[in-house]
């Protein structure tokens, strides 16, 4: 038997086949990673609004009903000419007097602490957030809230969360608020509207992120 060396064309074919096998292996590994991530617990990004210009209302609509809870994270300020503002939340376009909420606030002064119970046409006075009338221009407010059981069709809907606001560059000028609220309705939440309570608009560069809490099977 006479052994012959592969010619250049055969070597090229072998190299191409080897590259294709490596590429296919990488794609399989990538798909396996995505599948693993999709089957773990945790929050999944559903929607976001990042303002390039001022806006009076932020709306999340057509909200998927497959999650255990919703989470909203905001980084925001309004155009109110005062030291602070707040946020109102409405569900499913309901602007009637069907909401109850409570806000408690502490400030960086030991003697300052307040609690307010509010019945209004929305979950009103969600914390304190930065307004344009006071505080550093770049000191936007963080807001975080959770809506458990939002897709449940037999229970009133509730939220819980917290906010922070800084009037000036001093620890004594920081407000930290915790809040809770109920919507007197058992409908599944499919739309969420957010508006400033006293200002006209959320200012440019404000951002709003909606997440769903996923449970693995």
Protein backbone atom coordinates (compact mmCIF):
# COMPACT_ATOMS: atom_id res chain seq x y z
CA UNK A 1 0.00 0.00 0.00
CA UNK A 2 1.29 3.43 -0.91
CA UNK A 3 0.52 6.21 1.56
CA UNK A 4 0.08 9.66 0.05
CA UNK A 5 -0.03 13.00 1.79
CA UNK A 6 -3.26 15.00 1.52
CA UNK A 7 -3.11 17.66 -1.09
CA UNK A 8 -3.74 21.35 -0.40
CA UNK A 9 -7.43 21.16 -1.34
CA UNK A 10 -8.05 18.30 1.08
CA UNK A 11 -6.26 20.17 3.87
CA UNK A 12 -8.43 23.24 3.25
CA UNK A 13 -11.60 21.14 3.43
CA UNK A 14 -10.45 19.59 6.70
CA UNK A 15 -9.73 23.02 8.16
CA UNK A 16 -13.15 24.30 7.14
CA UNK A 17 -14.86 21.29 8.70
CA UNK A 18 -12.86 21.74 11.92
CA UNK A 19 -13.89 25.40 12.15
CA UNK A 20 -17.54 24.51 11.58
CA UNK A 21 -17.41 21.93 14.36
CA UNK A 22 -15.87 24.49 16.75
CA UNK A 23 -18.48 27.12 15.82
CA UNK A 24 -21.31 24.62 16.30
CA UNK A 25 -19.93 23.65 19.70
CA UNK A 26 -19.83 27.30 20.80
CA UNK A 27 -23.42 27.85 19.65
CA UNK A 28 -24.60 24.81 21.59
CA UNK A 29 -22.84 26.04 24.72
CA UNK A 30 -24.42 29.49 24.27
CA UNK A 31 -27.90 27.99 23.91
CA UNK A 32 -27.37 25.81 26.96
CA UNK A 33 -26.35 28.88 28.97
CA UNK A 34 -29.44 30.81 27.85
CA UNK A 35 -31.65 27.85 28.70
CA UNK A 36 -30.11 27.61 32.17
CA UNK A 37 -30.63 31.31 32.80
CA UNK A 38 -34.24 31.17 31.63
CA UNK A 39 -35.01 28.44 34.14
CA UNK A 40 -33.68 30.17 37.25
CA UNK A 41 -35.56 32.30 39.74
CA UNK A 42 -35.11 36.06 39.67
CA UNK A 43 -36.31 39.29 38.13
CA UNK A 44 -36.63 39.51 34.36
CA UNK A 45 -36.51 42.86 32.56
CA UNK A 46 -39.91 43.55 30.96
CA UNK A 47 -39.87 47.20 29.91
CA UNK A 48 -38.04 50.47 30.37
CA UNK A 49 -38.54 54.19 29.77
CA UNK A 50 -35.50 56.48 29.65
CA UNK A 51 -36.53 60.08 29.07
CA UNK A 52 -34.70 62.15 26.49
CA UNK A 53 -37.25 64.94 27.09
CA UNK A 54 -39.68 65.80 29.92
CA UNK A 55 -42.84 63.69 30.18
CA UNK A 56 -46.02 64.11 32.23
CA UNK A 57 -46.91 60.41 32.48
CA UNK A 58 -44.99 57.16 32.33
CA UNK A 59 -47.07 54.15 31.25
CA UNK A 60 -46.31 50.45 31.34
CA UNK A 61 -49.03 48.63 29.40
CA UNK A 62 -49.88 45.13 28.16
CA UNK A 63 -48.08 43.73 31.22
CA UNK A 64 -47.52 39.99 30.98
CA UNK A 65 -49.49 37.95 33.53
CA UNK A 66 -47.02 35.08 33.98
CA UNK A 67 -44.91 36.44 36.85
CA UNK A 68 -45.25 36.14 40.61
CA UNK A 69 -44.64 39.84 41.27
CA UNK A 70 -43.63 43.08 39.60
CA UNK A 71 -40.77 45.35 40.57
CA UNK A 72 -40.34 48.96 39.45
CA UNK A 73 -37.05 50.81 39.83
CA UNK A 74 -36.81 54.52 39.09
CA UNK A 75 -34.11 57.17 39.02
CA UNK A 76 -36.12 60.37 38.83
CA UNK A 77 -36.77 64.06 39.36
CA UNK A 78 -39.63 66.42 38.48
CA UNK A 79 -39.90 70.04 37.37
CA UNK A 80 -41.72 71.23 40.50
CA UNK A 81 -40.27 74.54 41.78
CA UNK A 82 -39.88 73.27 45.33
CA UNK A 83 -37.57 71.19 47.49
CA UNK A 84 -39.31 67.89 46.74
CA UNK A 85 -42.15 66.18 44.90
CA UNK A 86 -43.85 62.79 45.00
CA UNK A 87 -45.32 60.20 42.64
CA UNK A 88 -48.87 58.99 42.05
CA UNK A 89 -49.56 55.51 40.71
CA UNK A 90 -52.74 54.30 39.00
CA UNK A 91 -53.69 50.84 37.79
CA UNK A 92 -55.71 49.94 34.68
CA UNK A 93 -56.74 53.58 34.05
CA UNK A 94 -58.68 53.72 37.33
CA UNK A 95 -58.56 57.34 38.54
CA UNK A 96 -61.43 57.02 41.04
CA UNK A 97 -61.17 57.18 44.82
CA UNK A 98 -60.34 53.50 45.10
CA UNK A 99 -56.90 53.66 46.67
CA UNK A 100 -55.43 53.77 50.17
CA UNK A 101 -51.81 54.50 51.01
CA UNK A 102 -49.46 55.21 53.89
CA UNK A 103 -46.10 56.99 53.86
CA UNK A 104 -43.60 57.22 56.69
CA UNK A 105 -40.53 59.42 56.41
CA UNK A 106 -37.38 60.02 58.38
CA UNK A 107 -34.90 62.82 57.80
CA UNK A 108 -31.28 63.29 58.74
CA UNK A 109 -32.34 65.18 61.85
CA UNK A 110 -33.14 63.01 64.85
CA UNK A 111 -36.36 64.80 65.76
CA UNK A 112 -37.86 64.74 62.28
CA UNK A 113 -40.12 61.81 61.46
CA UNK A 114 -43.61 61.79 59.95
CA UNK A 115 -46.34 59.35 58.97
CA UNK A 116 -49.26 60.12 56.66
CA UNK A 117 -52.27 58.03 55.68
CA UNK A 118 -53.81 59.09 52.39
CA UNK A 119 -57.01 58.19 50.56
CA UNK A 120 -56.88 59.48 46.99
CA UNK A 121 -57.53 58.88 43.31
CA UNK A 122 -54.37 56.78 43.03
CA UNK A 123 -51.67 55.39 45.27
CA UNK A 124 -50.60 58.90 46.18
CA UNK A 125 -47.52 60.51 47.68
CA UNK A 126 -45.15 57.66 46.91
CA UNK A 127 -42.22 58.85 48.99
CA UNK A 128 -40.31 62.05 48.43
CA UNK A 129 -38.38 62.59 45.20
CA UNK A 130 -36.19 65.36 43.90
CA UNK A 131 -37.82 68.49 42.48
CA UNK A 132 -36.11 71.20 40.47
CA UNK A 133 -36.50 73.84 43.17
CA UNK A 134 -33.78 72.60 45.49
CA UNK A 135 -30.84 70.28 45.79
CA UNK A 136 -27.98 69.48 43.42
CA UNK A 137 -29.14 69.26 39.80
CA UNK A 138 -27.59 65.83 39.34
CA UNK A 139 -28.94 64.34 42.60
CA UNK A 140 -31.89 62.38 41.20
CA UNK A 141 -33.95 60.22 43.56
CA UNK A 142 -33.91 56.41 43.71
CA UNK A 143 -37.29 54.67 43.95
CA UNK A 144 -37.95 50.95 44.37
CA UNK A 145 -41.32 49.24 44.75
CA UNK A 146 -42.77 45.74 44.66
CA UNK A 147 -46.26 44.66 43.53
CA UNK A 148 -46.87 41.05 44.66
CA UNK A 149 -49.76 39.02 43.28
CA UNK A 150 -50.46 41.58 40.55
CA UNK A 151 -51.99 38.90 38.28
CA UNK A 152 -54.25 37.44 40.99
CA UNK A 153 -57.92 37.96 40.10
CA UNK A 154 -59.41 37.41 43.59
CA UNK A 155 -57.43 39.77 45.89
CA UNK A 156 -56.97 43.52 46.22
CA UNK A 157 -53.67 44.73 44.81
CA UNK A 158 -50.98 46.14 47.08
CA UNK A 159 -47.54 47.73 46.78
CA UNK A 160 -44.65 48.34 49.15
CA UNK A 161 -41.46 50.27 48.57
CA UNK A 162 -39.06 53.06 49.42
CA UNK A 163 -37.61 56.32 48.10
CA UNK A 164 -34.88 58.80 49.00
CA UNK A 165 -34.38 62.51 48.32
CA UNK A 166 -31.59 65.00 49.01
CA UNK A 167 -32.37 68.73 49.32
CA UNK A 168 -28.74 69.78 49.69
CA UNK A 169 -25.25 68.36 50.06
CA UNK A 170 -25.67 67.45 53.69
CA UNK A 171 -26.75 64.27 55.48
CA UNK A 172 -29.27 66.30 57.48
CA UNK A 173 -31.05 67.18 54.23
CA UNK A 174 -31.77 63.58 53.17
CA UNK A 175 -35.29 62.18 53.40
CA UNK A 176 -35.89 58.44 53.34
CA UNK A 177 -39.49 57.28 52.90
CA UNK A 178 -41.17 53.90 53.10
CA UNK A 179 -44.64 53.48 51.69
CA UNK A 180 -47.42 50.98 51.13
CA UNK A 181 -50.69 51.14 49.26
CA UNK A 182 -53.78 49.21 48.23
CA UNK A 183 -56.02 49.32 45.18
CA UNK A 184 -59.57 48.33 46.14
CA UNK A 185 -59.96 46.12 43.12
CA UNK A 186 -59.34 42.44 42.47
CA UNK A 187 -58.63 42.83 38.75
CA UNK A 188 -55.27 41.67 37.43
CA UNK A 189 -52.98 44.63 36.75
CA UNK A 190 -52.35 45.09 33.04
CA UNK A 191 -51.37 48.79 33.02
CA UNK A 192 -49.45 51.08 35.39
CA UNK A 193 -49.39 54.88 35.10
CA UNK A 194 -46.93 57.09 37.00
CA UNK A 195 -47.32 60.87 37.31
CA UNK A 196 -45.77 63.65 39.43
CA UNK A 197 -48.06 64.73 42.28
CA UNK A 198 -47.20 68.45 42.24
CA UNK A 199 -44.91 68.98 39.28
CA UNK A 200 -45.99 68.95 35.65
CA UNK A 201 -43.36 66.60 34.24
CA UNK A 202 -40.67 64.11 35.06
CA UNK A 203 -37.50 65.78 33.78
CA UNK A 204 -35.19 64.50 31.04
CA UNK A 205 -32.78 61.74 32.07
CA UNK A 206 -35.32 60.25 34.47
CA UNK A 207 -35.50 56.48 34.00
CA UNK A 208 -38.07 53.82 34.83
CA UNK A 209 -37.58 50.04 34.72
CA UNK A 210 -40.19 47.29 35.03
CA UNK A 211 -39.24 43.74 36.07
CA UNK A 212 -41.17 40.51 36.56
CA UNK A 213 -40.29 38.00 39.28
CA UNK A 214 -39.89 34.61 37.62
CA UNK A 215 -40.32 31.33 39.46
CA UNK A 216 -38.77 28.18 38.06
CA UNK A 217 -41.03 25.17 37.58
